[in-house]
PDB file of N, CA and C in Angstrom:
ATOM      1  N   GLU A   1      18.016 -10.153  -4.340  1.00  0.00           N
ATOM      2  CA  GLU A   1      16.842  -9.747  -3.579  1.00  0.00           C
ATOM      3  C   GLU A   1      17.080  -8.354  -2.990  1.00  0.00           C
ATOM      4  N   THR A   2      16.148  -7.452  -3.223  1.00  0.00           N
ATOM      5  CA  THR A   2      16.347  -6.071  -2.780  1.00  0.00           C
ATOM      6  C   THR A   2      15.910  -5.833  -1.345  1.00  0.00           C
ATOM      7  N   LYS A   3      15.061  -6.704  -0.826  1.00  0.00           N
ATOM      8  CA  LYS A   3      14.487  -6.552   0.523  1.00  0.00           C
ATOM      9  C   LYS A   3      13.600  -5.320   0.631  1.00  0.00           C
ATOM     10  N   GLN A   4      13.257  -4.678  -0.504  1.00  0.00           N
ATOM     11  CA  GLN A   4      12.330  -3.568  -0.481  1.00  0.00           C
ATOM     12  C   GLN A   4      10.928  -4.121  -0.329  1.00  0.00           C
ATOM     13  N   ALA A   5      10.114  -3.435   0.479  1.00  0.00           N
ATOM     14  CA  ALA A   5       8.806  -3.969   0.821  1.00  0.00           C
ATOM     15  C   ALA A   5       7.757  -2.869   0.866  1.00  0.00           C
ATOM     16  N   ALA A   6       6.508  -3.323   0.832  1.00  0.00           N
ATOM     17  CA  ALA A   6       5.374  -2.423   0.976  1.00  0.00           C
ATOM     18  C   ALA A   6       4.597  -2.790   2.228  1.00  0.00           C
ATOM     19  N   ALA A   7       4.023  -1.790   2.855  1.00  0.00           N
ATOM     20  CA  ALA A   7       3.068  -2.001   3.939  1.00  0.00           C
ATOM     21  C   ALA A   7       1.685  -1.825   3.322  1.00  0.00           C
ATOM     22  N   VAL A   8       0.811  -2.799   3.553  1.00  0.00           N
ATOM     23  CA  VAL A   8      -0.536  -2.752   2.987  1.00  0.00           C
ATOM     24  C   VAL A   8      -1.524  -2.346   4.075  1.00  0.00           C
ATOM     25  N   ASP A   9      -2.298  -1.292   3.800  1.00  0.00           N
ATOM     26  CA  ASP A   9      -3.314  -0.808   4.734  1.00  0.00           C
ATOM     27  C   ASP A   9      -2.773  -0.705   6.161  1.00  0.00           C
ATOM     28  N   PRO A  10      -1.744   0.114   6.361  1.00  0.00           N
ATOM     29  CA  PRO A  10      -1.083   0.159   7.665  1.00  0.00           C
ATOM     30  C   PRO A  10      -1.924   0.861   8.724  1.00  0.00           C
ATOM     31  N   VAL A  11      -2.194   0.167   9.783  1.00  0.00           N
ATOM     32  CA  VAL A  11      -2.865   0.775  10.929  1.00  0.00           C
ATOM     33  C   VAL A  11      -1.974   0.636  12.158  1.00  0.00           C
ATOM     34  N   ASP A  12      -1.484  -0.571  12.407  1.00  0.00           N
ATOM     35  CA  ASP A  12      -0.618  -0.833  13.557  1.00  0.00           C
ATOM     36  C   ASP A  12       0.836  -0.665  13.126  1.00  0.00           C
ATOM     37  N   ILE A  13       1.325   0.574  13.192  1.00  0.00           N
ATOM     38  CA  ILE A  13       2.655   0.838  12.644  1.00  0.00           C
ATOM     39  C   ILE A  13       3.765   0.174  13.454  1.00  0.00           C
ATOM     40  N   ASP A  14       3.558  -0.045  14.745  1.00  0.00           N
ATOM     41  CA  ASP A  14       4.577  -0.734  15.538  1.00  0.00           C
ATOM     42  C   ASP A  14       4.753  -2.169  15.051  1.00  0.00           C
ATOM     43  N   ALA A  15       3.654  -2.863  14.812  1.00  0.00           N
ATOM     44  CA  ALA A  15       3.724  -4.243  14.327  1.00  0.00           C
ATOM     45  C   ALA A  15       4.353  -4.301  12.932  1.00  0.00           C
ATOM     46  N   ILE A  16       4.039  -3.329  12.092  1.00  0.00           N
ATOM     47  CA  ILE A  16       4.598  -3.290  10.740  1.00  0.00           C
ATOM     48  C   ILE A  16       6.104  -3.080  10.795  1.00  0.00           C
ATOM     49  N   GLN A  17       6.549  -2.136  11.609  1.00  0.00           N
ATOM     50  CA  GLN A  17       7.982  -1.890  11.720  1.00  0.00           C
ATOM     51  C   GLN A  17       8.711  -3.091  12.313  1.00  0.00           C
ATOM     52  N   GLN A  18       8.095  -3.768  13.267  1.00  0.00           N
ATOM     53  CA  GLN A  18       8.710  -4.953  13.861  1.00  0.00           C
ATOM     54  C   GLN A  18       8.829  -6.076  12.844  1.00  0.00           C
ATOM     55  N   ALA A  19       7.772  -6.299  12.056  1.00  0.00           N
ATOM     56  CA  ALA A  19       7.804  -7.338  11.024  1.00  0.00           C
ATOM     57  C   ALA A  19       8.891  -7.040   9.991  1.00  0.00           C
ATOM     58  N   ALA A  20       9.035  -5.780   9.610  1.00  0.00           N
ATOM     59  CA  ALA A  20      10.081  -5.403   8.657  1.00  0.00           C
ATOM     60  C   ALA A  20      11.461  -5.667   9.255  1.00  0.00           C
ATOM     61  N   ALA A  21      11.665  -5.275  10.497  1.00  0.00           N
ATOM     62  CA  ALA A  21      12.956  -5.501  11.159  1.00  0.00           C
ATOM     63  C   ALA A  21      13.249  -6.994  11.277  1.00  0.00           C
ATOM     64  N   ASP A  22      12.262  -7.778  11.651  1.00  0.00           N
ATOM     65  CA  ASP A  22      12.438  -9.225  11.809  1.00  0.00           C
ATOM     66  C   ASP A  22      12.831  -9.914  10.502  1.00  0.00           C
ATOM     67  N   ASN A  23      12.409  -9.332   9.386  1.00  0.00           N
ATOM     68  CA  ASN A  23      12.672  -9.932   8.078  1.00  0.00           C
ATOM     69  C   ASN A  23      13.746  -9.209   7.272  1.00  0.00           C
ATOM     70  N   GLY A  24      14.385  -8.219   7.876  1.00  0.00           N
ATOM     71  CA  GLY A  24      15.418  -7.466   7.177  1.00  0.00           C
ATOM     72  C   GLY A  24      14.883  -6.693   5.988  1.00  0.00           C
ATOM     73  N   ALA A  25      13.612  -6.307   6.044  1.00  0.00           N
ATOM     74  CA  ALA A  25      12.968  -5.605   4.924  1.00  0.00           C
ATOM     75  C   ALA A  25      13.066  -4.098   5.095  1.00  0.00           C
ATOM     76  N   ILE A  26      13.100  -3.418   3.969  1.00  0.00           N
ATOM     77  CA  ILE A  26      13.121  -1.951   3.934  1.00  0.00           C
ATOM     78  C   ILE A  26      11.798  -1.503   3.335  1.00  0.00           C
ATOM     79  N   ILE A  27      10.953  -0.883   4.141  1.00  0.00           N
ATOM     80  CA  ILE A  27       9.651  -0.415   3.643  1.00  0.00           C
ATOM     81  C   ILE A  27       9.874   0.860   2.841  1.00  0.00           C
ATOM     82  N   ASN A  28       9.486   0.818   1.558  1.00  0.00           N
ATOM     83  CA  ASN A  28       9.599   2.021   0.729  1.00  0.00           C
ATOM     84  C   ASN A  28       8.271   2.436   0.109  1.00  0.00           C
ATOM     85  N   THR A  29       7.223   1.636   0.374  1.00  0.00           N
ATOM     86  CA  THR A  29       5.938   1.861  -0.283  1.00  0.00           C
ATOM     87  C   THR A  29       4.802   1.559   0.686  1.00  0.00           C
ATOM     88  N   ILE A  30       3.727   2.336   0.581  1.00  0.00           N
ATOM     89  CA  ILE A  30       2.480   2.020   1.267  1.00  0.00           C
ATOM     90  C   ILE A  30       1.427   1.780   0.193  1.00  0.00           C
ATOM     91  N   LEU A  31       0.742   0.648   0.296  1.00  0.00           N
ATOM     92  CA  LEU A  31      -0.388   0.329  -0.584  1.00  0.00           C
ATOM     93  C   LEU A  31      -1.655   0.467   0.236  1.00  0.00           C
ATOM     94  N   THR A  32      -2.521   1.386  -0.150  1.00  0.00           N
ATOM     95  CA  THR A  32      -3.759   1.614   0.589  1.00  0.00           C
ATOM     96  C   THR A  32      -4.941   1.244  -0.297  1.00  0.00           C
ATOM     97  N   THR A  33      -5.779   0.325   0.189  1.00  0.00           N
ATOM     98  CA  THR A  33      -6.914  -0.117  -0.622  1.00  0.00           C
ATOM     99  C   THR A  33      -8.039   0.904  -0.643  1.00  0.00           C
ATOM    100  N   HIS A  34      -8.228   1.624   0.481  1.00  0.00           N
ATOM    101  CA  HIS A  34      -9.251   2.666   0.518  1.00  0.00           C
ATOM    102  C   HIS A  34      -9.042   3.560   1.740  1.00  0.00           C
ATOM    103  N   ASN A  35      -9.809   4.635   1.804  1.00  0.00           N
ATOM    104  CA  ASN A  35      -9.530   5.698   2.768  1.00  0.00           C
ATOM    105  C   ASN A  35     -10.145   5.518   4.149  1.00  0.00           C
ATOM    106  N   HIS A  36     -10.808   4.440   4.448  1.00  0.00           N
ATOM    107  CA  HIS A  36     -11.382   4.274   5.787  1.00  0.00           C
ATOM    108  C   HIS A  36     -10.270   4.112   6.818  1.00  0.00           C
ATOM    109  N   TRP A  37     -10.530   4.611   8.039  1.00  0.00           N
ATOM    110  CA  TRP A  37      -9.498   4.705   9.074  1.00  0.00           C
ATOM    111  C   TRP A  37      -8.835   3.366   9.373  1.00  0.00           C
ATOM    112  N   ASP A  38      -9.588   2.272   9.267  1.00  0.00           N
ATOM    113  CA  ASP A  38      -9.012   0.969   9.614  1.00  0.00           C
ATOM    114  C   ASP A  38      -8.144   0.394   8.490  1.00  0.00           C
ATOM    115  N   HIS A  39      -7.924   1.186   7.438  1.00  0.00           N
ATOM    116  CA  HIS A  39      -7.031   0.785   6.351  1.00  0.00           C
ATOM    117  C   HIS A  39      -5.990   1.859   6.053  1.00  0.00           C
ATOM    118  N   SER A  40      -6.335   3.111   6.257  1.00  0.00           N
ATOM    119  CA  SER A  40      -5.401   4.194   5.945  1.00  0.00           C
ATOM    120  C   SER A  40      -4.988   4.999   7.175  1.00  0.00           C
ATOM    121  N   GLY A  41      -5.495   4.599   8.329  1.00  0.00           N
ATOM    122  CA  GLY A  41      -5.279   5.379   9.546  1.00  0.00           C
ATOM    123  C   GLY A  41      -3.836   5.503  10.004  1.00  0.00           C
ATOM    124  N   GLY A  42      -2.966   4.617   9.556  1.00  0.00           N
ATOM    125  CA  GLY A  42      -1.565   4.700   9.952  1.00  0.00           C
ATOM    126  C   GLY A  42      -0.659   5.290   8.892  1.00  0.00           C
ATOM    127  N   ASN A  43      -1.216   5.663   7.752  1.00  0.00           N
ATOM    128  CA  ASN A  43      -0.376   6.167   6.664  1.00  0.00           C
ATOM    129  C   ASN A  43       0.536   7.309   7.089  1.00  0.00           C
ATOM    130  N   LEU A  44      -0.021   8.350   7.652  1.00  0.00           N
ATOM    131  CA  LEU A  44       0.783   9.530   7.984  1.00  0.00           C
ATOM    132  C   LEU A  44       1.782   9.232   9.095  1.00  0.00           C
ATOM    133  N   LYS A  45       1.385   8.430  10.077  1.00  0.00           N
ATOM    134  CA  LYS A  45       2.305   8.061  11.155  1.00  0.00           C
ATOM    135  C   LYS A  45       3.464   7.220  10.624  1.00  0.00           C
ATOM    136  N   LEU A  46       3.159   6.280   9.739  1.00  0.00           N
ATOM    137  CA  LEU A  46       4.216   5.430   9.177  1.00  0.00           C
ATOM    138  C   LEU A  46       5.152   6.256   8.297  1.00  0.00           C
ATOM    139  N   LEU A  47       4.598   7.172   7.526  1.00  0.00           N
ATOM    140  CA  LEU A  47       5.425   8.068   6.707  1.00  0.00           C
ATOM    141  C   LEU A  47       6.398   8.853   7.581  1.00  0.00           C
ATOM    142  N   LYS A  48       5.918   9.328   8.700  1.00  0.00           N
ATOM    143  CA  LYS A  48       6.759  10.114   9.608  1.00  0.00           C
ATOM    144  C   LYS A  48       7.828   9.242  10.276  1.00  0.00           C
ATOM    145  N   ALA A  49       7.470   7.998  10.583  1.00  0.00           N
ATOM    146  CA  ALA A  49       8.371   7.114  11.326  1.00  0.00           C
ATOM    147  C   ALA A  49       9.418   6.421  10.450  1.00  0.00           C
ATOM    148  N   VAL A  50       9.118   6.230   9.163  1.00  0.00           N
ATOM    149  CA  VAL A  50       9.999   5.447   8.286  1.00  0.00           C
ATOM    150  C   VAL A  50      10.463   6.326   7.123  1.00  0.00           C
ATOM    151  N   SER A  51      11.696   6.758   7.184  1.00  0.00           N
ATOM    152  CA  SER A  51      12.211   7.718   6.200  1.00  0.00           C
ATOM    153  C   SER A  51      12.404   7.122   4.811  1.00  0.00           C
ATOM    154  N   THR A  52      12.412   5.809   4.682  1.00  0.00           N
ATOM    155  CA  THR A  52      12.631   5.174   3.377  1.00  0.00           C
ATOM    156  C   THR A  52      11.369   5.120   2.515  1.00  0.00           C
ATOM    157  N   ILE A  53      10.219   5.436   3.092  1.00  0.00           N
ATOM    158  CA  ILE A  53       8.972   5.408   2.310  1.00  0.00           C
ATOM    159  C   ILE A  53       8.917   6.627   1.402  1.00  0.00           C
ATOM    160  N   ASP A  54       8.821   6.358   0.100  1.00  0.00           N
ATOM    161  CA  ASP A  54       8.753   7.469  -0.852  1.00  0.00           C
ATOM    162  C   ASP A  54       7.525   7.406  -1.756  1.00  0.00           C
ATOM    163  N   ARG A  55       6.670   6.381  -1.547  1.00  0.00           N
ATOM    164  CA  ARG A  55       5.467   6.265  -2.368  1.00  0.00           C
ATOM    165  C   ARG A  55       4.307   5.765  -1.526  1.00  0.00           C
ATOM    166  N   VAL A  56       3.170   6.435  -1.687  1.00  0.00           N
ATOM    167  CA  VAL A  56       1.928   5.995  -1.048  1.00  0.00           C
ATOM    168  C   VAL A  56       0.878   5.917  -2.144  1.00  0.00           C
ATOM    169  N   TYR A  57       0.391   4.697  -2.386  1.00  0.00           N
ATOM    170  CA  TYR A  57      -0.602   4.471  -3.426  1.00  0.00           C
ATOM    171  C   TYR A  57      -2.000   4.422  -2.835  1.00  0.00           C
ATOM    172  N   GLY A  58      -2.960   4.954  -3.593  1.00  0.00           N
ATOM    173  CA  GLY A  58      -4.364   4.909  -3.223  1.00  0.00           C
ATOM    174  C   GLY A  58      -5.217   5.104  -4.459  1.00  0.00           C
ATOM    175  N   GLY A  59      -6.471   4.707  -4.376  1.00  0.00           N
ATOM    176  CA  GLY A  59      -7.372   4.807  -5.513  1.00  0.00           C
ATOM    177  C   GLY A  59      -7.678   6.243  -5.922  1.00  0.00           C
ATOM    178  N   ILE A  60      -7.896   6.438  -7.190  1.00  0.00           N
ATOM    179  CA  ILE A  60      -8.204   7.760  -7.736  1.00  0.00           C
ATOM    180  C   ILE A  60      -9.451   8.325  -7.058  1.00  0.00           C
ATOM    181  N   GLY A  61      -9.313   9.545  -6.529  1.00  0.00           N
ATOM    182  CA  GLY A  61     -10.430  10.245  -5.918  1.00  0.00           C
ATOM    183  C   GLY A  61     -10.860   9.712  -4.565  1.00  0.00           C
ATOM    184  N   ASP A  62     -10.092   8.809  -3.963  1.00  0.00           N
ATOM    185  CA  ASP A  62     -10.505   8.200  -2.693  1.00  0.00           C
ATOM    186  C   ASP A  62      -9.977   8.958  -1.480  1.00  0.00           C
ATOM    187  N   ASP A  63      -9.221  10.019  -1.696  1.00  0.00           N
ATOM    188  CA  ASP A  63      -8.774  10.880  -0.594  1.00  0.00           C
ATOM    189  C   ASP A  63      -7.956  10.122   0.457  1.00  0.00           C
ATOM    190  N   VAL A  64      -7.051   9.275   0.010  1.00  0.00           N
ATOM    191  CA  VAL A  64      -6.201   8.490   0.912  1.00  0.00           C
ATOM    192  C   VAL A  64      -5.171   9.411   1.561  1.00  0.00           C
ATOM    193  N   PRO A  65      -5.073   9.394   2.899  1.00  0.00           N
ATOM    194  CA  PRO A  65      -4.093  10.246   3.588  1.00  0.00           C
ATOM    195  C   PRO A  65      -2.661   9.965   3.116  1.00  0.00           C
ATOM    196  N   GLY A  66      -1.946  11.026   2.763  1.00  0.00           N
ATOM    197  CA  GLY A  66      -0.552  10.920   2.365  1.00  0.00           C
ATOM    198  C   GLY A  66      -0.321  10.395   0.957  1.00  0.00           C
ATOM    199  N   CYS A  67      -1.385  10.182   0.202  1.00  0.00           N
ATOM    200  CA  CYS A  67      -1.261   9.582  -1.128  1.00  0.00           C
ATOM    201  C   CYS A  67      -0.371  10.427  -2.045  1.00  0.00           C
ATOM    202  N   THR A  68       0.609   9.777  -2.654  1.00  0.00           N
ATOM    203  CA  THR A  68       1.473  10.442  -3.632  1.00  0.00           C
ATOM    204  C   THR A  68       1.201   9.940  -5.049  1.00  0.00           C
ATOM    205  N   HIS A  69       0.560   8.762  -5.162  1.00  0.00           N
ATOM    206  CA  HIS A  69       0.284   8.160  -6.460  1.00  0.00           C
ATOM    207  C   HIS A  69      -1.151   7.621  -6.469  1.00  0.00           C
ATOM    208  N   GLU A  70      -2.060   8.342  -7.134  1.00  0.00           N
ATOM    209  CA  GLU A  70      -3.419   7.834  -7.293  1.00  0.00           C
ATOM    210  C   GLU A  70      -3.428   6.847  -8.450  1.00  0.00           C
ATOM    211  N   VAL A  71      -4.055   5.686  -8.229  1.00  0.00           N
ATOM    212  CA  VAL A  71      -4.045   4.629  -9.231  1.00  0.00           C
ATOM    213  C   VAL A  71      -5.460   4.168  -9.554  1.00  0.00           C
ATOM    214  N   GLY A  72      -5.612   3.616 -10.761  1.00  0.00           N
ATOM    215  CA  GLY A  72      -6.894   3.096 -11.208  1.00  0.00           C
ATOM    216  C   GLY A  72      -6.723   1.757 -11.904  1.00  0.00           C
ATOM    217  N   ASP A  73      -7.812   1.240 -12.416  1.00  0.00           N
ATOM    218  CA  ASP A  73      -7.837  -0.088 -13.018  1.00  0.00           C
ATOM    219  C   ASP A  73      -6.790  -0.239 -14.114  1.00  0.00           C
ATOM    220  N   GLY A  74      -5.985  -1.297 -13.989  1.00  0.00           N
ATOM    221  CA  GLY A  74      -4.989  -1.591 -15.007  1.00  0.00           C
ATOM    222  C   GLY A  74      -3.642  -0.937 -14.795  1.00  0.00           C
ATOM    223  N   ASP A  75      -3.545   0.012 -13.875  1.00  0.00           N
ATOM    224  CA  ASP A  75      -2.246   0.611 -13.604  1.00  0.00           C
ATOM    225  C   ASP A  75      -1.307  -0.462 -13.064  1.00  0.00           C
ATOM    226  N   ALA A  76      -0.018  -0.303 -13.333  1.00  0.00           N
ATOM    227  CA  ALA A  76       0.965  -1.282 -12.886  1.00  0.00           C
ATOM    228  C   ALA A  76       2.233  -0.558 -12.455  1.00  0.00           C
ATOM    229  N   PHE A  77       2.925  -1.159 -11.484  1.00  0.00           N
ATOM    230  CA  PHE A  77       4.184  -0.605 -10.991  1.00  0.00           C
ATOM    231  C   PHE A  77       4.941  -1.721 -10.289  1.00  0.00           C
ATOM    232  N   THR A  78       6.149  -1.425  -9.867  1.00  0.00           N
ATOM    233  CA  THR A  78       6.938  -2.426  -9.151  1.00  0.00           C
ATOM    234  C   THR A  78       7.339  -1.906  -7.779  1.00  0.00           C
ATOM    235  N   ILE A  79       7.565  -2.854  -6.897  1.00  0.00           N
ATOM    236  CA  ILE A  79       8.160  -2.567  -5.594  1.00  0.00           C
ATOM    237  C   ILE A  79       9.550  -3.172  -5.665  1.00  0.00           C
ATOM    238  N   GLY A  80      10.569  -2.335  -5.476  1.00  0.00           N
ATOM    239  CA  GLY A  80      11.925  -2.797  -5.735  1.00  0.00           C
ATOM    240  C   GLY A  80      12.068  -3.080  -7.217  1.00  0.00           C
ATOM    241  N   THR A  81      12.842  -4.087  -7.552  1.00  0.00           N
ATOM    242  CA  THR A  81      13.023  -4.425  -8.966  1.00  0.00           C
ATOM    243  C   THR A  81      12.307  -5.707  -9.356  1.00  0.00           C
ATOM    244  N   ASN A  82      11.784  -6.440  -8.367  1.00  0.00           N
ATOM    245  CA  ASN A  82      11.255  -7.770  -8.659  1.00  0.00           C
ATOM    246  C   ASN A  82       9.765  -7.963  -8.433  1.00  0.00           C
ATOM    247  N   THR A  83       9.130  -7.112  -7.681  1.00  0.00           N
ATOM    248  CA  THR A  83       7.750  -7.356  -7.285  1.00  0.00           C
ATOM    249  C   THR A  83       6.793  -6.532  -8.146  1.00  0.00           C
ATOM    250  N   ALA A  84       6.027  -7.224  -8.988  1.00  0.00           N
ATOM    251  CA  ALA A  84       5.096  -6.563  -9.904  1.00  0.00           C
ATOM    252  C   ALA A  84       3.731  -6.420  -9.249  1.00  0.00           C
ATOM    253  N   VAL A  85       3.168  -5.216  -9.362  1.00  0.00           N
ATOM    254  CA  VAL A  85       1.853  -4.933  -8.787  1.00  0.00           C
ATOM    255  C   VAL A  85       0.940  -4.414  -9.890  1.00  0.00           C
ATOM    256  N   LYS A  86      -0.257  -4.995  -9.964  1.00  0.00           N
ATOM    257  CA  LYS A  86      -1.277  -4.553 -10.909  1.00  0.00           C
ATOM    258  C   LYS A  86      -2.493  -4.105 -10.098  1.00  0.00           C
ATOM    259  N   VAL A  87      -3.117  -3.018 -10.505  1.00  0.00           N
ATOM    260  CA  VAL A  87      -4.244  -2.440  -9.776  1.00  0.00           C
ATOM    261  C   VAL A  87      -5.569  -2.899 -10.387  1.00  0.00           C
ATOM    262  N   LEU A  88      -6.491  -3.265  -9.510  1.00  0.00           N
ATOM    263  CA  LEU A  88      -7.856  -3.608  -9.902  1.00  0.00           C
ATOM    264  C   LEU A  88      -8.796  -2.599  -9.248  1.00  0.00           C
ATOM    265  N   PHE A  89      -9.602  -1.924 -10.025  1.00  0.00           N
ATOM    266  CA  PHE A  89     -10.549  -0.934  -9.505  1.00  0.00           C
ATOM    267  C   PHE A  89     -11.799  -1.663  -9.025  1.00  0.00           C
ATOM    268  N   THR A  90     -12.111  -1.535  -7.739  1.00  0.00           N
ATOM    269  CA  THR A  90     -13.238  -2.257  -7.128  1.00  0.00           C
ATOM    270  C   THR A  90     -14.072  -1.299  -6.275  1.00  0.00           C
ATOM    271  N   PRO A  91     -14.790  -0.380  -6.905  1.00  0.00           N
ATOM    272  CA  PRO A  91     -15.472   0.702  -6.187  1.00  0.00           C
ATOM    273  C   PRO A  91     -16.828   0.327  -5.592  1.00  0.00           C
ATOM    274  N   CYS A  92     -16.836  -0.544  -4.631  1.00  0.00           N
ATOM    275  CA  CYS A  92     -18.099  -0.853  -3.960  1.00  0.00           C
ATOM    276  C   CYS A  92     -18.097  -0.325  -2.529  1.00  0.00           C
ATOM    277  N   HIS A  93     -17.088  -0.689  -1.792  1.00  0.00           N
ATOM    278  CA  HIS A  93     -17.002  -0.318  -0.381  1.00  0.00           C
ATOM    279  C   HIS A  93     -16.725   1.176  -0.207  1.00  0.00           C
ATOM    280  N   SER A  94     -15.960   1.739  -1.113  1.00  0.00           N
ATOM    281  CA  SER A  94     -15.722   3.184  -1.168  1.00  0.00           C
ATOM    282  C   SER A  94     -15.558   3.555  -2.641  1.00  0.00           C
ATOM    283  N   PRO A  95     -15.764   4.820  -2.983  1.00  0.00           N
ATOM    284  CA  PRO A  95     -15.767   5.206  -4.402  1.00  0.00           C
ATOM    285  C   PRO A  95     -14.461   4.940  -5.147  1.00  0.00           C
ATOM    286  N   GLY A  96     -13.341   4.962  -4.443  1.00  0.00           N
ATOM    287  CA  GLY A  96     -12.050   4.764  -5.106  1.00  0.00           C
ATOM    288  C   GLY A  96     -11.338   3.503  -4.670  1.00  0.00           C
ATOM    289  N   HIS A  97     -12.070   2.562  -4.107  1.00  0.00           N
ATOM    290  CA  HIS A  97     -11.473   1.320  -3.589  1.00  0.00           C
ATOM    291  C   HIS A  97     -10.716   0.588  -4.688  1.00  0.00           C
ATOM    292  N   VAL A  98      -9.504   0.137  -4.368  1.00  0.00           N
ATOM    293  CA  VAL A  98      -8.709  -0.659  -5.297  1.00  0.00           C
ATOM    294  C   VAL A  98      -8.177  -1.901  -4.591  1.00  0.00           C
ATOM    295  N   CYS A  99      -7.854  -2.906  -5.391  1.00  0.00           N
ATOM    296  CA  CYS A  99      -7.159  -4.095  -4.922  1.00  0.00           C
ATOM    297  C   CYS A  99      -5.798  -4.112  -5.605  1.00  0.00           C
ATOM    298  N   TYR A 100      -4.840  -4.765  -4.971  1.00  0.00           N
ATOM    299  CA  TYR A 100      -3.492  -4.863  -5.516  1.00  0.00           C
ATOM    300  C   TYR A 100      -3.186  -6.327  -5.803  1.00  0.00           C
ATOM    301  N   HIS A 101      -2.979  -6.648  -7.079  1.00  0.00           N
ATOM    302  CA  HIS A 101      -2.651  -8.007  -7.522  1.00  0.00           C
ATOM    303  C   HIS A 101      -1.130  -8.071  -7.645  1.00  0.00           C
ATOM    304  N   VAL A 102      -0.500  -8.866  -6.789  1.00  0.00           N
ATOM    305  CA  VAL A 102       0.955  -8.864  -6.668  1.00  0.00           C
ATOM    306  C   VAL A 102       1.538 -10.145  -7.258  1.00  0.00           C
ATOM    307  N   ASP A 103       2.484  -9.965  -8.168  1.00  0.00           N
ATOM    308  CA  ASP A 103       3.217 -11.070  -8.796  1.00  0.00           C
ATOM    309  C   ASP A 103       2.295 -12.143  -9.377  1.00  0.00           C
ATOM    310  N   ASP A 104       1.138 -11.746  -9.853  1.00  0.00           N
ATOM    311  CA  ASP A 104       0.170 -12.691 -10.431  1.00  0.00           C
ATOM    312  C   ASP A 104      -0.133 -13.861  -9.498  1.00  0.00           C
ATOM    313  N   ALA A 105       0.042 -13.635  -8.179  1.00  0.00           N
ATOM    314  CA  ALA A 105      -0.152 -14.733  -7.239  1.00  0.00           C
ATOM    315  C   ALA A 105      -0.991 -14.366  -6.023  1.00  0.00           C
ATOM    316  N   HIS A 106      -0.967 -13.105  -5.625  1.00  0.00           N
ATOM    317  CA  HIS A 106      -1.642 -12.683  -4.390  1.00  0.00           C
ATOM    318  C   HIS A 106      -2.466 -11.437  -4.672  1.00  0.00           C
ATOM    319  N   VAL A 107      -3.610 -11.312  -3.993  1.00  0.00           N
ATOM    320  CA  VAL A 107      -4.432 -10.115  -4.139  1.00  0.00           C
ATOM    321  C   VAL A 107      -4.736  -9.552  -2.757  1.00  0.00           C
ATOM    322  N   PHE A 108      -4.394  -8.287  -2.566  1.00  0.00           N
ATOM    323  CA  PHE A 108      -4.750  -7.576  -1.342  1.00  0.00           C
ATOM    324  C   PHE A 108      -6.041  -6.841  -1.619  1.00  0.00           C
ATOM    325  N   THR A 109      -7.107  -7.233  -0.909  1.00  0.00           N
ATOM    326  CA  THR A 109      -8.453  -6.805  -1.282  1.00  0.00           C
ATOM    327  C   THR A 109      -9.055  -5.715  -0.416  1.00  0.00           C
ATOM    328  N   GLY A 110      -8.475  -5.390   0.703  1.00  0.00           N
ATOM    329  CA  GLY A 110      -9.120  -4.434   1.591  1.00  0.00           C
ATOM    330  C   GLY A 110     -10.437  -4.985   2.067  1.00  0.00           C
ATOM    331  N   ASP A 111     -11.516  -4.285   1.817  1.00  0.00           N
ATOM    332  CA  ASP A 111     -12.855  -4.728   2.236  1.00  0.00           C
ATOM    333  C   ASP A 111     -13.731  -5.141   1.073  1.00  0.00           C
ATOM    334  N   THR A 112     -13.144  -5.510  -0.034  1.00  0.00           N
ATOM    335  CA  THR A 112     -13.942  -5.928  -1.192  1.00  0.00           C
ATOM    336  C   THR A 112     -14.225  -7.414  -1.121  1.00  0.00           C
TER     337      THR A 112
END
């Protein structure tokens, strides 16, 4: 187990950092479903506070703060070596809104 983790739609960075510490997790990724403040508002603060974060995902053309990897429908990547993430393009709530389907078991939907 790598203990590498992602923060999804980080707004309350104190709570996110506490949850990571409580679970011995190392946050290296931010998954952002869309650019509205209540989903992406903590991206830049979390990036500044957590030096292990090296990837920020967001939907193509959605102008996600701090985004390093724009993703679209069908894109896939891993968090650590074990956690598979598949992207679903769901452009209703915002033009670049995406959902993250994790390990074929969980879906982070944002506001979709």
